[in-house]
Amino acid sequence: MTKAELVERVAQAATLSRAEAESAVQTVLDSIMDALNRGEKIELRGFGSFRLRARRPRQGRNPKTGARVDVPGKSIPYFKPGKELRDLLNPPASEAGESAEV
């Protein structure tokens, strides 16, 4: 799903104009990015949480020359799905329509 498709679904579900829905979607995304930029954790119950993970500095190699290169540490955004989302994507075997052993 693209951002444009998400805007369309929000517009239909909330009976908003496309411009209003786009503004709402952009506000949510901006809020998430701003919170991560401040180092905060974002938790959306039933969906999941966003947080930053720190990568340590390391030694890398230039693939062309083979020379060692210092790679600085950095922060990487990380998403952890919530239990409800995991259960929706991976239902238990009894709910998945599998037949019992005969």
PDB file of N, CA and C in Angstrom:
ATOM      1  N   MET A   1       0.844  -1.170   0.000  1.00  0.00           N
ATOM      2  CA  MET A   1       0.000   0.000   0.000  1.00  0.00           C
ATOM      3  C   MET A   1       0.889   1.233   0.000  1.00  0.00           C
ATOM      4  N   THR A   2       0.554   2.177  -0.844  1.00  0.00           N
ATOM      5  CA  THR A   2       1.312   3.424  -0.913  1.00  0.00           C
ATOM      6  C   THR A   2       0.645   4.481  -0.036  1.00  0.00           C
ATOM      7  N   LYS A   3       1.350   5.582   0.146  1.00  0.00           N
ATOM      8  CA  LYS A   3       0.797   6.681   0.930  1.00  0.00           C
ATOM      9  C   LYS A   3      -0.490   7.195   0.278  1.00  0.00           C
ATOM     10  N   ALA A   4      -0.515   7.283  -1.058  1.00  0.00           N
ATOM     11  CA  ALA A   4      -1.711   7.761  -1.767  1.00  0.00           C
ATOM     12  C   ALA A   4      -2.895   6.828  -1.534  1.00  0.00           C
ATOM     13  N   GLU A   5      -2.650   5.511  -1.520  1.00  0.00           N
ATOM     14  CA  GLU A   5      -3.726   4.553  -1.254  1.00  0.00           C
ATOM     15  C   GLU A   5      -4.224   4.681   0.181  1.00  0.00           C
ATOM     16  N   LEU A   6      -3.308   4.921   1.112  1.00  0.00           N
ATOM     17  CA  LEU A   6      -3.692   5.127   2.508  1.00  0.00           C
ATOM     18  C   LEU A   6      -4.548   6.373   2.642  1.00  0.00           C
ATOM     19  N   VAL A   7      -4.168   7.447   1.977  1.00  0.00           N
ATOM     20  CA  VAL A   7      -4.951   8.693   2.010  1.00  0.00           C
ATOM     21  C   VAL A   7      -6.353   8.430   1.471  1.00  0.00           C
ATOM     22  N   GLU A   8      -6.470   7.674   0.384  1.00  0.00           N
ATOM     23  CA  GLU A   8      -7.786   7.353  -0.194  1.00  0.00           C
ATOM     24  C   GLU A   8      -8.649   6.587   0.802  1.00  0.00           C
ATOM     25  N   ARG A   9      -8.061   5.605   1.483  1.00  0.00           N
ATOM     26  CA  ARG A   9      -8.825   4.814   2.460  1.00  0.00           C
ATOM     27  C   ARG A   9      -9.269   5.671   3.636  1.00  0.00           C
ATOM     28  N   VAL A  10      -8.402   6.551   4.105  1.00  0.00           N
ATOM     29  CA  VAL A  10      -8.768   7.443   5.216  1.00  0.00           C
ATOM     30  C   VAL A  10      -9.880   8.378   4.770  1.00  0.00           C
ATOM     31  N   ALA A  11      -9.794   8.915   3.566  1.00  0.00           N
ATOM     32  CA  ALA A  11     -10.817   9.821   3.047  1.00  0.00           C
ATOM     33  C   ALA A  11     -12.172   9.119   2.979  1.00  0.00           C
ATOM     34  N   GLN A  12     -12.186   7.864   2.515  1.00  0.00           N
ATOM     35  CA  GLN A  12     -13.443   7.126   2.410  1.00  0.00           C
ATOM     36  C   GLN A  12     -13.992   6.745   3.782  1.00  0.00           C
ATOM     37  N   ALA A  13     -13.126   6.272   4.660  1.00  0.00           N
ATOM     38  CA  ALA A  13     -13.566   5.801   5.974  1.00  0.00           C
ATOM     39  C   ALA A  13     -14.077   6.940   6.852  1.00  0.00           C
ATOM     40  N   ALA A  14     -13.462   8.106   6.746  1.00  0.00           N
ATOM     41  CA  ALA A  14     -13.834   9.230   7.610  1.00  0.00           C
ATOM     42  C   ALA A  14     -14.692  10.258   6.875  1.00  0.00           C
ATOM     43  N   THR A  15     -15.090   9.949   5.655  1.00  0.00           N
ATOM     44  CA  THR A  15     -15.854  10.874   4.811  1.00  0.00           C
ATOM     45  C   THR A  15     -15.234  12.279   4.820  1.00  0.00           C
ATOM     46  N   LEU A  16     -13.957  12.310   4.485  1.00  0.00           N
ATOM     47  CA  LEU A  16     -13.210  13.566   4.390  1.00  0.00           C
ATOM     48  C   LEU A  16     -12.848  13.803   2.932  1.00  0.00           C
ATOM     49  N   SER A  17     -12.520  15.037   2.625  1.00  0.00           N
ATOM     50  CA  SER A  17     -12.000  15.311   1.290  1.00  0.00           C
ATOM     51  C   SER A  17     -10.605  14.709   1.203  1.00  0.00           C
ATOM     52  N   ARG A  18     -10.135  14.531  -0.011  1.00  0.00           N
ATOM     53  CA  ARG A  18      -8.795  13.963  -0.202  1.00  0.00           C
ATOM     54  C   ARG A  18      -7.739  14.852   0.445  1.00  0.00           C
ATOM     55  N   ALA A  19      -7.901  16.170   0.350  1.00  0.00           N
ATOM     56  CA  ALA A  19      -6.931  17.102   0.938  1.00  0.00           C
ATOM     57  C   ALA A  19      -6.925  16.994   2.461  1.00  0.00           C
ATOM     58  N   GLU A  20      -8.104  16.865   3.066  1.00  0.00           N
ATOM     59  CA  GLU A  20      -8.181  16.731   4.530  1.00  0.00           C
ATOM     60  C   GLU A  20      -7.563  15.417   4.981  1.00  0.00           C
ATOM     61  N   ALA A  21      -7.843  14.345   4.246  1.00  0.00           N
ATOM     62  CA  ALA A  21      -7.282  13.037   4.600  1.00  0.00           C
ATOM     63  C   ALA A  21      -5.762  13.048   4.447  1.00  0.00           C
ATOM     64  N   GLU A  22      -5.269  13.695   3.389  1.00  0.00           N
ATOM     65  CA  GLU A  22      -3.822  13.776   3.186  1.00  0.00           C
ATOM     66  C   GLU A  22      -3.163  14.547   4.316  1.00  0.00           C
ATOM     67  N   SER A  23      -3.810  15.616   4.763  1.00  0.00           N
ATOM     68  CA  SER A  23      -3.288  16.400   5.877  1.00  0.00           C
ATOM     69  C   SER A  23      -3.252  15.566   7.159  1.00  0.00           C
ATOM     70  N   ALA A  24      -4.297  14.772   7.390  1.00  0.00           N
ATOM     71  CA  ALA A  24      -4.355  13.932   8.587  1.00  0.00           C
ATOM     72  C   ALA A  24      -3.258  12.872   8.561  1.00  0.00           C
ATOM     73  N   VAL A  25      -3.088  12.192   7.429  1.00  0.00           N
ATOM     74  CA  VAL A  25      -2.065  11.163   7.303  1.00  0.00           C
ATOM     75  C   VAL A  25      -0.676  11.777   7.476  1.00  0.00           C
ATOM     76  N   GLN A  26      -0.444  12.927   6.849  1.00  0.00           N
ATOM     77  CA  GLN A  26       0.864  13.581   6.952  1.00  0.00           C
ATOM     78  C   GLN A  26       1.149  14.028   8.378  1.00  0.00           C
ATOM     79  N   THR A  27       0.120  14.495   9.089  1.00  0.00           N
ATOM     80  CA  THR A  27       0.292  14.907  10.483  1.00  0.00           C
ATOM     81  C   THR A  27       0.709  13.729  11.348  1.00  0.00           C
ATOM     82  N   VAL A  28       0.083  12.567  11.138  1.00  0.00           N
ATOM     83  CA  VAL A  28       0.444  11.365  11.903  1.00  0.00           C
ATOM     84  C   VAL A  28       1.894  10.970  11.610  1.00  0.00           C
ATOM     85  N   LEU A  29       2.259  10.930  10.332  1.00  0.00           N
ATOM     86  CA  LEU A  29       3.630  10.550   9.966  1.00  0.00           C
ATOM     87  C   LEU A  29       4.653  11.545  10.503  1.00  0.00           C
ATOM     88  N   ASP A  30       4.349  12.839  10.409  1.00  0.00           N
ATOM     89  CA  ASP A  30       5.254  13.866  10.938  1.00  0.00           C
ATOM     90  C   ASP A  30       5.418  13.728  12.448  1.00  0.00           C
ATOM     91  N   SER A  31       4.318  13.422  13.147  1.00  0.00           N
ATOM     92  CA  SER A  31       4.380  13.260  14.602  1.00  0.00           C
ATOM     93  C   SER A  31       5.264  12.087  14.991  1.00  0.00           C
ATOM     94  N   ILE A  32       5.151  10.987  14.245  1.00  0.00           N
ATOM     95  CA  ILE A  32       5.988   9.819  14.514  1.00  0.00           C
ATOM     96  C   ILE A  32       7.456  10.165  14.274  1.00  0.00           C
ATOM     97  N   MET A  33       7.750  10.822  13.152  1.00  0.00           N
ATOM     98  CA  MET A  33       9.141  11.171  12.841  1.00  0.00           C
ATOM     99  C   MET A  33       9.711  12.165  13.851  1.00  0.00           C
ATOM    100  N   ASP A  34       8.908  13.147  14.281  1.00  0.00           N
ATOM    101  CA  ASP A  34       9.376  14.120  15.268  1.00  0.00           C
ATOM    102  C   ASP A  34       9.687  13.438  16.600  1.00  0.00           C
ATOM    103  N   ALA A  35       8.807  12.524  17.031  1.00  0.00           N
ATOM    104  CA  ALA A  35       9.028  11.827  18.299  1.00  0.00           C
ATOM    105  C   ALA A  35      10.299  10.978  18.229  1.00  0.00           C
ATOM    106  N   LEU A  36      10.506  10.281  17.113  1.00  0.00           N
ATOM    107  CA  LEU A  36      11.727   9.485  16.965  1.00  0.00           C
ATOM    108  C   LEU A  36      12.954  10.377  16.953  1.00  0.00           C
ATOM    109  N   ASN A  37      12.843  11.521  16.315  1.00  0.00           N
ATOM    110  CA  ASN A  37      13.961  12.469  16.269  1.00  0.00           C
ATOM    111  C   ASN A  37      14.335  12.961  17.669  1.00  0.00           C
ATOM    112  N   ARG A  38      13.338  13.060  18.552  1.00  0.00           N
ATOM    113  CA  ARG A  38      13.594  13.462  19.943  1.00  0.00           C
ATOM    114  C   ARG A  38      14.044  12.282  20.802  1.00  0.00           C
ATOM    115  N   GLY A  39      14.099  11.084  20.219  1.00  0.00           N
ATOM    116  CA  GLY A  39      14.529   9.903  20.963  1.00  0.00           C
ATOM    117  C   GLY A  39      13.416   9.234  21.737  1.00  0.00           C
ATOM    118  N   GLU A  40      12.178   9.583  21.457  1.00  0.00           N
ATOM    119  CA  GLU A  40      11.037   9.003  22.171  1.00  0.00           C
ATOM    120  C   GLU A  40      10.590   7.708  21.505  1.00  0.00           C
ATOM    121  N   LYS A  41       9.869   6.889  22.273  1.00  0.00           N
ATOM    122  CA  LYS A  41       9.284   5.660  21.762  1.00  0.00           C
ATOM    123  C   LYS A  41       7.811   5.943  21.462  1.00  0.00           C
ATOM    124  N   ILE A  42       7.320   5.432  20.343  1.00  0.00           N
ATOM    125  CA  ILE A  42       5.925   5.605  19.960  1.00  0.00           C
ATOM    126  C   ILE A  42       5.248   4.256  20.098  1.00  0.00           C
ATOM    127  N   GLU A  43       4.154   4.201  20.850  1.00  0.00           N
ATOM    128  CA  GLU A  43       3.440   2.944  21.049  1.00  0.00           C
ATOM    129  C   GLU A  43       2.002   3.109  20.608  1.00  0.00           C
ATOM    130  N   LEU A  44       1.596   2.331  19.612  1.00  0.00           N
ATOM    131  CA  LEU A  44       0.229   2.326  19.106  1.00  0.00           C
ATOM    132  C   LEU A  44      -0.381   0.981  19.501  1.00  0.00           C
ATOM    133  N   ARG A  45      -1.161   0.962  20.579  1.00  0.00           N
ATOM    134  CA  ARG A  45      -1.705  -0.282  21.127  1.00  0.00           C
ATOM    135  C   ARG A  45      -2.443  -1.074  20.057  1.00  0.00           C
ATOM    136  N   GLY A  46      -2.168  -2.352  19.986  1.00  0.00           N
ATOM    137  CA  GLY A  46      -2.792  -3.231  19.022  1.00  0.00           C
ATOM    138  C   GLY A  46      -2.101  -3.232  17.673  1.00  0.00           C
ATOM    139  N   PHE A  47      -1.252  -2.256  17.401  1.00  0.00           N
ATOM    140  CA  PHE A  47      -0.558  -2.182  16.123  1.00  0.00           C
ATOM    141  C   PHE A  47       0.923  -2.481  16.304  1.00  0.00           C
ATOM    142  N   GLY A  48       1.593  -1.700  17.150  1.00  0.00           N
ATOM    143  CA  GLY A  48       3.012  -1.923  17.384  1.00  0.00           C
ATOM    144  C   GLY A  48       3.682  -0.687  17.938  1.00  0.00           C
ATOM    145  N   SER A  49       4.999  -0.725  18.002  1.00  0.00           N
ATOM    146  CA  SER A  49       5.744   0.402  18.546  1.00  0.00           C
ATOM    147  C   SER A  49       6.952   0.699  17.664  1.00  0.00           C
ATOM    148  N   PHE A  50       7.314   1.967  17.646  1.00  0.00           N
ATOM    149  CA  PHE A  50       8.490   2.446  16.925  1.00  0.00           C
ATOM    150  C   PHE A  50       9.488   2.941  17.956  1.00  0.00           C
ATOM    151  N   ARG A  51      10.761   2.644  17.728  1.00  0.00           N
ATOM    152  CA  ARG A  51      11.804   3.182  18.601  1.00  0.00           C
ATOM    153  C   ARG A  51      13.104   3.220  17.818  1.00  0.00           C
ATOM    154  N   LEU A  52      14.111   3.786  18.425  1.00  0.00           N
ATOM    155  CA  LEU A  52      15.422   3.864  17.782  1.00  0.00           C
ATOM    156  C   LEU A  52      16.337   2.789  18.344  1.00  0.00           C
ATOM    157  N   ARG A  53      17.143   2.224  17.483  1.00  0.00           N
ATOM    158  CA  ARG A  53      18.197   1.309  17.907  1.00  0.00           C
ATOM    159  C   ARG A  53      19.519   1.950  17.522  1.00  0.00           C
ATOM    160  N   ALA A  54      20.471   1.857  18.428  1.00  0.00           N
ATOM    161  CA  ALA A  54      21.798   2.439  18.171  1.00  0.00           C
ATOM    162  C   ALA A  54      22.710   1.391  17.557  1.00  0.00           C
ATOM    163  N   ARG A  55      23.359   1.761  16.483  1.00  0.00           N
ATOM    164  CA  ARG A  55      24.381   0.895  15.886  1.00  0.00           C
ATOM    165  C   ARG A  55      25.733   1.431  16.298  1.00  0.00           C
ATOM    166  N   ARG A  56      26.606   0.540  16.738  1.00  0.00           N
ATOM    167  CA  ARG A  56      27.935   0.933  17.178  1.00  0.00           C
ATOM    168  C   ARG A  56      28.821   1.249  15.976  1.00  0.00           C
ATOM    169  N   PRO A  57      29.816   2.098  16.196  1.00  0.00           N
ATOM    170  CA  PRO A  57      30.792   2.317  15.112  1.00  0.00           C
ATOM    171  C   PRO A  57      31.530   1.012  14.828  1.00  0.00           C
ATOM    172  N   ARG A  58      31.976   0.855  13.585  1.00  0.00           N
ATOM    173  CA  ARG A  58      32.652  -0.392  13.229  1.00  0.00           C
ATOM    174  C   ARG A  58      33.666  -0.138  12.124  1.00  0.00           C
ATOM    175  N   GLN A  59      34.450  -1.154  11.848  1.00  0.00           N
ATOM    176  CA  GLN A  59      35.413  -1.113  10.745  1.00  0.00           C
ATOM    177  C   GLN A  59      34.765  -1.781   9.534  1.00  0.00           C
ATOM    178  N   GLY A  60      34.786  -1.093   8.406  1.00  0.00           N
ATOM    179  CA  GLY A  60      34.280  -1.663   7.168  1.00  0.00           C
ATOM    180  C   GLY A  60      35.401  -1.740   6.152  1.00  0.00           C
ATOM    181  N   ARG A  61      35.067  -2.188   4.959  1.00  0.00           N
ATOM    182  CA  ARG A  61      36.062  -2.270   3.883  1.00  0.00           C
ATOM    183  C   ARG A  61      35.499  -1.629   2.627  1.00  0.00           C
ATOM    184  N   ASN A  62      36.351  -0.908   1.928  1.00  0.00           N
ATOM    185  CA  ASN A  62      36.002  -0.365   0.628  1.00  0.00           C
ATOM    186  C   ASN A  62      36.038  -1.550  -0.344  1.00  0.00           C
ATOM    187  N   PRO A  63      34.894  -1.900  -0.973  1.00  0.00           N
ATOM    188  CA  PRO A  63      34.879  -3.089  -1.827  1.00  0.00           C
ATOM    189  C   PRO A  63      35.779  -2.966  -3.058  1.00  0.00           C
ATOM    190  N   LYS A  64      36.046  -1.754  -3.481  1.00  0.00           N
ATOM    191  CA  LYS A  64      36.869  -1.560  -4.682  1.00  0.00           C
ATOM    192  C   LYS A  64      38.360  -1.724  -4.384  1.00  0.00           C
ATOM    193  N   THR A  65      38.800  -1.110  -3.268  1.00  0.00           N
ATOM    194  CA  THR A  65      40.236  -1.121  -2.957  1.00  0.00           C
ATOM    195  C   THR A  65      40.606  -2.105  -1.852  1.00  0.00           C
ATOM    196  N   GLY A  66      39.634  -2.500  -1.051  1.00  0.00           N
ATOM    197  CA  GLY A  66      39.919  -3.388   0.075  1.00  0.00           C
ATOM    198  C   GLY A  66      40.444  -2.646   1.293  1.00  0.00           C
ATOM    199  N   ALA A  67      40.561  -1.313   1.202  1.00  0.00           N
ATOM    200  CA  ALA A  67      41.069  -0.527   2.325  1.00  0.00           C
ATOM    201  C   ALA A  67      40.049  -0.499   3.460  1.00  0.00           C
ATOM    202  N   ARG A  68      40.565  -0.464   4.688  1.00  0.00           N
ATOM    203  CA  ARG A  68      39.685  -0.372   5.858  1.00  0.00           C
ATOM    204  C   ARG A  68      39.112   1.042   5.959  1.00  0.00           C
ATOM    205  N   VAL A  69      37.842   1.092   6.357  1.00  0.00           N
ATOM    206  CA  VAL A  69      37.139   2.363   6.476  1.00  0.00           C
ATOM    207  C   VAL A  69      36.411   2.378   7.813  1.00  0.00           C
ATOM    208  N   ASP A  70      36.501   3.505   8.534  1.00  0.00           N
ATOM    209  CA  ASP A  70      35.747   3.659   9.776  1.00  0.00           C
ATOM    210  C   ASP A  70      34.304   4.013   9.424  1.00  0.00           C
ATOM    211  N   VAL A  71      33.357   3.200   9.909  1.00  0.00           N
ATOM    212  CA  VAL A  71      31.935   3.463   9.710  1.00  0.00           C
ATOM    213  C   VAL A  71      31.405   3.989  11.044  1.00  0.00           C
ATOM    214  N   PRO A  72      30.904   5.236  11.076  1.00  0.00           N
ATOM    215  CA  PRO A  72      30.443   5.806  12.345  1.00  0.00           C
ATOM    216  C   PRO A  72      29.164   5.136  12.847  1.00  0.00           C
ATOM    217  N   GLY A  73      28.928   5.236  14.146  1.00  0.00           N
ATOM    218  CA  GLY A  73      27.689   4.727  14.729  1.00  0.00           C
ATOM    219  C   GLY A  73      26.520   5.580  14.287  1.00  0.00           C
ATOM    220  N   LYS A  74      25.323   5.004  14.338  1.00  0.00           N
ATOM    221  CA  LYS A  74      24.143   5.759  13.947  1.00  0.00           C
ATOM    222  C   LYS A  74      22.899   5.165  14.592  1.00  0.00           C
ATOM    223  N   SER A  75      21.816   5.934  14.550  1.00  0.00           N
ATOM    224  CA  SER A  75      20.533   5.484  15.070  1.00  0.00           C
ATOM    225  C   SER A  75      19.670   5.002  13.915  1.00  0.00           C
ATOM    226  N   ILE A  76      19.014   3.855  14.118  1.00  0.00           N
ATOM    227  CA  ILE A  76      18.181   3.237  13.100  1.00  0.00           C
ATOM    228  C   ILE A  76      16.762   3.096  13.660  1.00  0.00           C
ATOM    229  N   PRO A  77      15.725   3.543  12.916  1.00  0.00           N
ATOM    230  CA  PRO A  77      14.359   3.329  13.390  1.00  0.00           C
ATOM    231  C   PRO A  77      14.006   1.840  13.333  1.00  0.00           C
ATOM    232  N   TYR A  78      13.252   1.383  14.322  1.00  0.00           N
ATOM    233  CA  TYR A  78      12.890  -0.024  14.440  1.00  0.00           C
ATOM    234  C   TYR A  78      11.408  -0.108  14.764  1.00  0.00           C
ATOM    235  N   PHE A  79      10.696  -1.032  14.096  1.00  0.00           N
ATOM    236  CA  PHE A  79       9.280  -1.257  14.359  1.00  0.00           C
ATOM    237  C   PHE A  79       9.096  -2.643  14.940  1.00  0.00           C
ATOM    238  N   LYS A  80       8.371  -2.711  16.039  1.00  0.00           N
ATOM    239  CA  LYS A  80       8.062  -3.999  16.656  1.00  0.00           C
ATOM    240  C   LYS A  80       6.547  -4.160  16.619  1.00  0.00           C
ATOM    241  N   PRO A  81       6.033  -5.149  15.885  1.00  0.00           N
ATOM    242  CA  PRO A  81       4.578  -5.319  15.800  1.00  0.00           C
ATOM    243  C   PRO A  81       3.982  -5.720  17.140  1.00  0.00           C
ATOM    244  N   GLY A  82       2.757  -5.265  17.383  1.00  0.00           N
ATOM    245  CA  GLY A  82       2.040  -5.609  18.598  1.00  0.00           C
ATOM    246  C   GLY A  82       1.437  -7.002  18.509  1.00  0.00           C
ATOM    247  N   LYS A  83       0.977  -7.509  19.636  1.00  0.00           N
ATOM    248  CA  LYS A  83       0.423  -8.863  19.692  1.00  0.00           C
ATOM    249  C   LYS A  83      -0.776  -9.013  18.767  1.00  0.00           C
ATOM    250  N   GLU A  84      -1.685  -8.046  18.740  1.00  0.00           N
ATOM    251  CA  GLU A  84      -2.869  -8.148  17.891  1.00  0.00           C
ATOM    252  C   GLU A  84      -2.491  -8.223  16.412  1.00  0.00           C
ATOM    253  N   LEU A  85      -1.505  -7.448  15.993  1.00  0.00           N
ATOM    254  CA  LEU A  85      -1.063  -7.473  14.606  1.00  0.00           C
ATOM    255  C   LEU A  85      -0.400  -8.812  14.283  1.00  0.00           C
ATOM    256  N   ARG A  86       0.446  -9.304  15.180  1.00  0.00           N
ATOM    257  CA  ARG A  86       1.087 -10.607  14.965  1.00  0.00           C
ATOM    258  C   ARG A  86       0.052 -11.714  14.864  1.00  0.00           C
ATOM    259  N   ASP A  87      -0.963 -11.687  15.754  1.00  0.00           N
ATOM    260  CA  ASP A  87      -2.008 -12.715  15.730  1.00  0.00           C
ATOM    261  C   ASP A  87      -2.849 -12.635  14.458  1.00  0.00           C
ATOM    262  N   LEU A  88      -3.071 -11.430  13.959  1.00  0.00           N
ATOM    263  CA  LEU A  88      -3.828 -11.268  12.719  1.00  0.00           C
ATOM    264  C   LEU A  88      -3.064 -11.861  11.533  1.00  0.00           C
ATOM    265  N   LEU A  89      -1.755 -11.670  11.517  1.00  0.00           N
ATOM    266  CA  LEU A  89      -0.931 -12.153  10.419  1.00  0.00           C
ATOM    267  C   LEU A  89      -0.581 -13.629  10.540  1.00  0.00           C
ATOM    268  N   ASN A  90      -0.571 -14.142  11.762  1.00  0.00           N
ATOM    269  CA  ASN A  90      -0.208 -15.539  12.017  1.00  0.00           C
ATOM    270  C   ASN A  90      -1.240 -16.173  12.944  1.00  0.00           C
ATOM    271  N   PRO A  91      -2.441 -16.510  12.421  1.00  0.00           N
ATOM    272  CA  PRO A  91      -3.470 -17.080  13.295  1.00  0.00           C
ATOM    273  C   PRO A  91      -3.058 -18.458  13.804  1.00  0.00           C
ATOM    274  N   PRO A  92      -3.571 -18.842  14.972  1.00  0.00           N
ATOM    275  CA  PRO A  92      -3.280 -20.192  15.486  1.00  0.00           C
ATOM    276  C   PRO A  92      -3.763 -21.251  14.500  1.00  0.00           C
ATOM    277  N   ALA A  93      -3.180 -22.428  14.528  1.00  0.00           N
ATOM    278  CA  ALA A  93      -3.491 -23.494  13.563  1.00  0.00           C
ATOM    279  C   ALA A  93      -4.974 -23.848  13.579  1.00  0.00           C
ATOM    280  N   SER A  94      -5.629 -23.842  14.739  1.00  0.00           N
ATOM    281  CA  SER A  94      -7.043 -24.210  14.816  1.00  0.00           C
ATOM    282  C   SER A  94      -7.923 -23.199  14.102  1.00  0.00           C
ATOM    283  N   GLU A  95      -7.515 -21.931  14.029  1.00  0.00           N
ATOM    284  CA  GLU A  95      -8.296 -20.901  13.357  1.00  0.00           C
ATOM    285  C   GLU A  95      -7.914 -20.769  11.884  1.00  0.00           C
ATOM    286  N   ALA A  96      -6.814 -21.351  11.482  1.00  0.00           N
ATOM    287  CA  ALA A  96      -6.328 -21.195  10.112  1.00  0.00           C
ATOM    288  C   ALA A  96      -7.026 -22.139   9.143  1.00  0.00           C
ATOM    289  N   GLY A  97      -7.950 -22.957   9.623  1.00  0.00           N
ATOM    290  CA  GLY A  97      -8.688 -23.835   8.731  1.00  0.00           C
ATOM    291  C   GLY A  97      -8.023 -25.180   8.518  1.00  0.00           C
ATOM    292  N   GLU A  98      -7.016 -25.519   9.319  1.00  0.00           N
ATOM    293  CA  GLU A  98      -6.367 -26.814   9.180  1.00  0.00           C
ATOM    294  C   GLU A  98      -7.268 -27.877   9.782  1.00  0.00           C
ATOM    295  N   SER A  99      -7.371 -29.003   9.136  1.00  0.00           N
ATOM    296  CA  SER A  99      -8.237 -30.086   9.629  1.00  0.00           C
ATOM    297  C   SER A  99      -7.498 -30.879  10.696  1.00  0.00           C
ATOM    298  N   ALA A 100      -8.289 -31.474  11.567  1.00  0.00           N
ATOM    299  CA  ALA A 100      -7.725 -32.300  12.637  1.00  0.00           C
ATOM    300  C   ALA A 100      -7.243 -33.615  12.038  1.00  0.00           C
ATOM    301  N   GLU A 101      -6.319 -34.276  12.737  1.00  0.00           N
ATOM    302  CA  GLU A 101      -5.804 -35.557  12.259  1.00  0.00           C
ATOM    303  C   GLU A 101      -6.910 -36.595  12.295  1.00  0.00           C
ATOM    304  N   VAL A 102      -6.892 -37.483  11.324  1.00  0.00           N
ATOM    305  CA  VAL A 102      -7.935 -38.521  11.223  1.00  0.00           C
ATOM    306  C   VAL A 102      -7.370 -39.858  11.634  1.00  0.00           C
TER     307      VAL A 102
END
